[in-house]
Amino acid sequence: MLISAPVFALVERRVERTFDVGESVGLKVDTTFGAVNVREVEGARAITVAVIQTADVETDSEMDRRLKSLDLEIRQAKDGSVRVDAHFRRPLTWSWQAWPPVTLVY
């Protein structure tokens, strides 16, 4: 007897932005889910933010559908600091869907 299971592939997307900053400017990450890795480079005058988004899905269109529930904003504030805001919109009903729908690494 042969039992088949769904075969999934890991789909990855990368969002990257670089901001010119001064010496004493900070980085603020506000997120509900994800892992944050920070690497400081002495004397650097820029902050580069990379967000790696991954999910076990079969197609790019399924990844697109999952990313529709993510509100991601990477911007430079008026004070020069860099802000990353990432939050998933979640329905108010219970479901079998894994949460979060996409894994994030900053």
N, C-alpha and C. Protein backbone atom coordinates (compact mmCIF):
# COMPACT_ATOMS: atom_id res chain seq x y z
N MET A 1 0.84 -1.16 0.00
CA MET A 1 0.00 0.00 0.00
C MET A 1 0.90 1.24 0.00
N LEU A 2 0.57 2.17 -0.84
CA LEU A 2 1.34 3.41 -0.96
C LEU A 2 0.50 4.56 -0.42
N ILE A 3 1.06 5.27 0.52
CA ILE A 3 0.38 6.44 1.09
C ILE A 3 1.14 7.67 0.64
N SER A 4 0.41 8.58 0.04
CA SER A 4 1.09 9.79 -0.42
C SER A 4 0.78 10.94 0.53
N ALA A 5 1.75 11.76 0.70
CA ALA A 5 1.61 12.96 1.52
C ALA A 5 1.90 14.16 0.65
N PRO A 6 1.30 15.29 0.97
CA PRO A 6 1.58 16.48 0.16
C PRO A 6 3.06 16.85 0.23
N VAL A 7 3.58 17.26 -0.89
CA VAL A 7 4.98 17.69 -0.96
C VAL A 7 5.00 19.21 -1.01
N PHE A 8 5.69 19.80 -0.06
CA PHE A 8 5.78 21.25 -0.02
C PHE A 8 7.20 21.68 -0.31
N ALA A 9 7.30 22.86 -0.81
CA ALA A 9 8.61 23.46 -1.07
C ALA A 9 8.71 24.72 -0.22
N LEU A 10 9.90 25.08 0.09
CA LEU A 10 10.12 26.29 0.86
C LEU A 10 10.25 27.46 -0.10
N VAL A 11 9.31 28.38 -0.02
CA VAL A 11 9.35 29.59 -0.85
C VAL A 11 9.89 30.71 0.02
N GLU A 12 10.85 31.45 -0.52
CA GLU A 12 11.48 32.53 0.24
C GLU A 12 11.40 33.83 -0.53
N ARG A 13 11.10 34.89 0.19
CA ARG A 13 11.11 36.24 -0.36
C ARG A 13 12.00 37.09 0.53
N ARG A 14 12.64 38.08 -0.06
CA ARG A 14 13.52 38.97 0.70
C ARG A 14 13.16 40.41 0.38
N VAL A 15 12.95 41.21 1.43
CA VAL A 15 12.71 42.64 1.31
C VAL A 15 13.89 43.32 1.97
N GLU A 16 14.55 44.22 1.22
CA GLU A 16 15.74 44.88 1.77
C GLU A 16 15.71 46.36 1.44
N ARG A 17 16.04 47.17 2.46
CA ARG A 17 16.11 48.63 2.27
C ARG A 17 17.30 49.16 3.05
N THR A 18 17.97 50.17 2.51
CA THR A 18 19.12 50.79 3.16
C THR A 18 18.82 52.27 3.33
N PHE A 19 19.18 52.80 4.52
CA PHE A 19 18.93 54.19 4.85
C PHE A 19 20.24 54.84 5.29
N ASP A 20 20.51 56.04 4.78
CA ASP A 20 21.67 56.82 5.24
C ASP A 20 21.29 57.44 6.58
N VAL A 21 22.17 57.28 7.57
CA VAL A 21 21.89 57.77 8.91
C VAL A 21 23.13 58.41 9.51
N GLY A 22 22.93 59.12 10.63
CA GLY A 22 24.06 59.70 11.35
C GLY A 22 24.64 58.72 12.35
N GLU A 23 25.50 59.23 13.22
CA GLU A 23 26.18 58.38 14.19
C GLU A 23 25.28 57.85 15.30
N SER A 24 24.35 58.64 15.78
CA SER A 24 23.59 58.26 16.97
C SER A 24 22.13 57.92 16.65
N VAL A 25 21.88 57.39 15.49
CA VAL A 25 20.52 57.05 15.09
C VAL A 25 20.25 55.60 15.43
N GLY A 26 19.02 55.33 15.87
CA GLY A 26 18.68 53.97 16.30
C GLY A 26 17.81 53.23 15.32
N LEU A 27 17.58 51.99 15.65
CA LEU A 27 16.72 51.08 14.90
C LEU A 27 15.66 50.57 15.84
N LYS A 28 14.40 50.64 15.43
CA LYS A 28 13.30 50.12 16.24
C LYS A 28 12.54 49.09 15.42
N VAL A 29 12.38 47.90 15.99
CA VAL A 29 11.63 46.83 15.33
C VAL A 29 10.42 46.52 16.19
N ASP A 30 9.23 46.66 15.61
CA ASP A 30 7.98 46.37 16.30
C ASP A 30 7.28 45.27 15.51
N THR A 31 7.28 44.05 16.07
CA THR A 31 6.73 42.91 15.37
C THR A 31 6.05 41.97 16.34
N THR A 32 5.09 41.23 15.84
CA THR A 32 4.40 40.24 16.65
C THR A 32 5.12 38.90 16.61
N PHE A 33 5.64 38.53 15.46
CA PHE A 33 6.33 37.26 15.28
C PHE A 33 7.64 37.48 14.56
N GLY A 34 8.61 36.60 14.80
CA GLY A 34 9.84 36.63 14.02
C GLY A 34 11.08 36.68 14.89
N ALA A 35 12.21 36.48 14.25
CA ALA A 35 13.51 36.52 14.91
C ALA A 35 14.25 37.76 14.42
N VAL A 36 14.86 38.47 15.36
CA VAL A 36 15.57 39.70 15.02
C VAL A 36 17.06 39.47 15.27
N ASN A 37 17.86 39.68 14.24
CA ASN A 37 19.31 39.60 14.34
C ASN A 37 19.88 40.97 13.99
N VAL A 38 20.72 41.52 14.86
CA VAL A 38 21.31 42.83 14.63
C VAL A 38 22.82 42.67 14.59
N ARG A 39 23.42 43.26 13.58
CA ARG A 39 24.88 43.25 13.46
C ARG A 39 25.33 44.70 13.36
N GLU A 40 26.16 45.11 14.31
CA GLU A 40 26.66 46.48 14.32
C GLU A 40 28.00 46.54 13.61
N VAL A 41 28.14 47.54 12.74
CA VAL A 41 29.39 47.75 12.01
C VAL A 41 29.94 49.10 12.45
N GLU A 42 31.10 49.08 13.09
CA GLU A 42 31.69 50.31 13.61
C GLU A 42 31.95 51.30 12.49
N GLY A 43 31.52 52.54 12.71
CA GLY A 43 31.75 53.60 11.75
C GLY A 43 30.77 53.63 10.59
N ALA A 44 29.81 52.74 10.57
CA ALA A 44 28.84 52.71 9.47
C ALA A 44 27.95 53.94 9.51
N ARG A 45 27.60 54.45 8.36
CA ARG A 45 26.72 55.61 8.23
C ARG A 45 25.39 55.23 7.58
N ALA A 46 25.10 53.93 7.55
CA ALA A 46 23.85 53.46 6.95
C ALA A 46 23.31 52.29 7.77
N ILE A 47 22.00 52.14 7.72
CA ILE A 47 21.33 50.97 8.30
C ILE A 47 20.65 50.23 7.17
N THR A 48 20.98 48.95 7.05
CA THR A 48 20.32 48.10 6.07
C THR A 48 19.40 47.15 6.82
N VAL A 49 18.15 47.12 6.41
CA VAL A 49 17.16 46.22 7.00
C VAL A 49 16.81 45.18 5.95
N ALA A 50 16.94 43.92 6.33
CA ALA A 50 16.55 42.82 5.45
C ALA A 50 15.51 41.99 6.19
N VAL A 51 14.41 41.71 5.53
CA VAL A 51 13.37 40.85 6.09
C VAL A 51 13.25 39.65 5.17
N ILE A 52 13.53 38.47 5.71
CA ILE A 52 13.43 37.23 4.94
C ILE A 52 12.13 36.56 5.33
N GLN A 53 11.29 36.35 4.33
CA GLN A 53 9.96 35.76 4.53
C GLN A 53 9.96 34.37 3.91
N THR A 54 9.61 33.34 4.70
CA THR A 54 9.59 31.98 4.18
C THR A 54 8.30 31.28 4.59
N ALA A 55 7.89 30.32 3.75
CA ALA A 55 6.72 29.50 4.06
C ALA A 55 6.84 28.18 3.30
N ASP A 56 6.30 27.14 3.90
CA ASP A 56 6.24 25.83 3.24
C ASP A 56 4.97 25.79 2.38
N VAL A 57 5.11 26.21 1.15
CA VAL A 57 3.99 26.24 0.21
C VAL A 57 4.45 25.68 -1.12
N GLU A 58 3.49 25.33 -1.95
CA GLU A 58 3.80 24.71 -3.24
C GLU A 58 4.08 25.72 -4.35
N THR A 59 3.45 26.90 -4.27
CA THR A 59 3.54 27.84 -5.39
C THR A 59 3.81 29.26 -4.90
N ASP A 60 4.28 30.08 -5.82
CA ASP A 60 4.47 31.50 -5.51
C ASP A 60 3.14 32.18 -5.24
N SER A 61 2.09 31.75 -5.92
CA SER A 61 0.78 32.38 -5.69
C SER A 61 0.26 32.09 -4.28
N GLU A 62 0.56 30.92 -3.74
CA GLU A 62 0.18 30.61 -2.36
C GLU A 62 0.98 31.50 -1.39
N MET A 63 2.23 31.75 -1.71
CA MET A 63 3.04 32.66 -0.89
C MET A 63 2.45 34.07 -0.94
N ASP A 64 2.07 34.51 -2.13
CA ASP A 64 1.45 35.83 -2.28
C ASP A 64 0.19 35.92 -1.42
N ARG A 65 -0.62 34.87 -1.43
CA ARG A 65 -1.87 34.86 -0.64
C ARG A 65 -1.56 34.99 0.85
N ARG A 66 -0.55 34.27 1.32
CA ARG A 66 -0.19 34.34 2.73
C ARG A 66 0.36 35.71 3.11
N LEU A 67 1.13 36.30 2.21
CA LEU A 67 1.72 37.61 2.52
C LEU A 67 0.69 38.74 2.54
N LYS A 68 -0.49 38.51 1.97
CA LYS A 68 -1.54 39.53 2.00
C LYS A 68 -1.98 39.85 3.43
N SER A 69 -1.76 38.92 4.37
CA SER A 69 -2.16 39.18 5.75
C SER A 69 -1.06 39.88 6.55
N LEU A 70 0.07 40.20 5.90
CA LEU A 70 1.18 40.86 6.58
C LEU A 70 1.21 42.34 6.25
N ASP A 71 1.19 43.16 7.29
CA ASP A 71 1.40 44.60 7.13
C ASP A 71 2.87 44.85 7.48
N LEU A 72 3.69 45.15 6.48
CA LEU A 72 5.12 45.38 6.67
C LEU A 72 5.47 46.78 6.21
N GLU A 73 6.08 47.55 7.11
CA GLU A 73 6.51 48.89 6.76
C GLU A 73 7.94 49.08 7.26
N ILE A 74 8.83 49.49 6.37
CA ILE A 74 10.21 49.81 6.72
C ILE A 74 10.43 51.25 6.28
N ARG A 75 10.75 52.12 7.24
CA ARG A 75 10.83 53.54 6.89
C ARG A 75 11.80 54.26 7.81
N GLN A 76 12.17 55.46 7.39
CA GLN A 76 13.01 56.33 8.21
C GLN A 76 12.10 57.38 8.83
N ALA A 77 12.14 57.50 10.15
CA ALA A 77 11.31 58.45 10.87
C ALA A 77 11.89 59.86 10.74
N LYS A 78 11.11 60.84 11.16
CA LYS A 78 11.55 62.23 11.07
C LYS A 78 12.81 62.50 11.87
N ASP A 79 13.01 61.77 12.97
CA ASP A 79 14.21 61.97 13.78
C ASP A 79 15.44 61.25 13.22
N GLY A 80 15.28 60.59 12.07
CA GLY A 80 16.39 59.91 11.42
C GLY A 80 16.49 58.42 11.75
N SER A 81 15.80 57.98 12.80
CA SER A 81 15.86 56.57 13.17
C SER A 81 15.13 55.72 12.11
N VAL A 82 15.46 54.45 12.09
CA VAL A 82 14.84 53.52 11.14
C VAL A 82 13.84 52.66 11.91
N ARG A 83 12.63 52.54 11.36
CA ARG A 83 11.56 51.77 12.00
C ARG A 83 11.13 50.62 11.10
N VAL A 84 10.93 49.49 11.73
CA VAL A 84 10.38 48.32 11.05
C VAL A 84 9.13 47.91 11.83
N ASP A 85 8.00 47.95 11.16
CA ASP A 85 6.73 47.53 11.77
C ASP A 85 6.19 46.37 10.94
N ALA A 86 5.94 45.24 11.59
CA ALA A 86 5.44 44.06 10.88
C ALA A 86 4.42 43.35 11.76
N HIS A 87 3.20 43.29 11.26
CA HIS A 87 2.12 42.65 12.01
C HIS A 87 1.23 41.88 11.05
N PHE A 88 0.85 40.70 11.47
CA PHE A 88 -0.09 39.89 10.69
C PHE A 88 -1.50 40.24 11.11
N ARG A 89 -2.37 40.43 10.13
CA ARG A 89 -3.80 40.58 10.41
C ARG A 89 -4.37 39.18 10.55
N ARG A 90 -5.05 38.94 11.66
CA ARG A 90 -5.57 37.60 11.92
C ARG A 90 -7.08 37.66 12.03
N PRO A 91 -7.77 36.73 11.36
CA PRO A 91 -9.23 36.72 11.46
C PRO A 91 -9.66 36.42 12.90
N LEU A 92 -10.84 36.86 13.25
CA LEU A 92 -11.34 36.67 14.61
C LEU A 92 -11.93 35.28 14.83
N THR A 93 -11.93 34.45 13.83
CA THR A 93 -12.46 33.10 13.97
C THR A 93 -11.32 32.09 14.11
N TRP A 94 -11.62 30.98 14.71
CA TRP A 94 -10.64 29.91 14.89
C TRP A 94 -10.53 29.12 13.60
N SER A 95 -9.32 28.66 13.28
CA SER A 95 -9.13 27.83 12.09
C SER A 95 -7.96 26.89 12.33
N TRP A 96 -7.80 25.94 11.43
CA TRP A 96 -6.69 25.00 11.50
C TRP A 96 -5.41 25.57 10.90
N GLN A 97 -5.47 26.76 10.35
CA GLN A 97 -4.33 27.36 9.68
C GLN A 97 -3.19 27.60 10.67
N ALA A 98 -1.98 27.24 10.27
CA ALA A 98 -0.81 27.49 11.10
C ALA A 98 -0.61 28.99 11.24
N TRP A 99 -0.13 29.41 12.42
CA TRP A 99 0.07 30.83 12.64
C TRP A 99 1.46 31.07 13.18
N PRO A 100 2.22 31.97 12.69
CA PRO A 100 1.91 32.88 11.59
C PRO A 100 2.01 32.14 10.26
N PRO A 101 1.34 32.67 9.24
CA PRO A 101 1.33 32.00 7.94
C PRO A 101 2.68 32.04 7.22
N VAL A 102 3.54 32.97 7.60
CA VAL A 102 4.86 33.14 7.00
C VAL A 102 5.87 33.35 8.14
N THR A 103 7.03 32.72 8.03
CA THR A 103 8.09 32.90 9.01
C THR A 103 8.91 34.12 8.62
N LEU A 104 9.21 34.97 9.61
CA LEU A 104 9.96 36.20 9.35
C LEU A 104 11.27 36.19 10.12
N VAL A 105 12.34 36.61 9.46
CA VAL A 105 13.63 36.83 10.10
C VAL A 105 14.09 38.21 9.69
N TYR A 106 14.42 39.04 10.67
CA TYR A 106 14.85 40.42 10.43
C TYR A 106 16.35 40.51 10.62
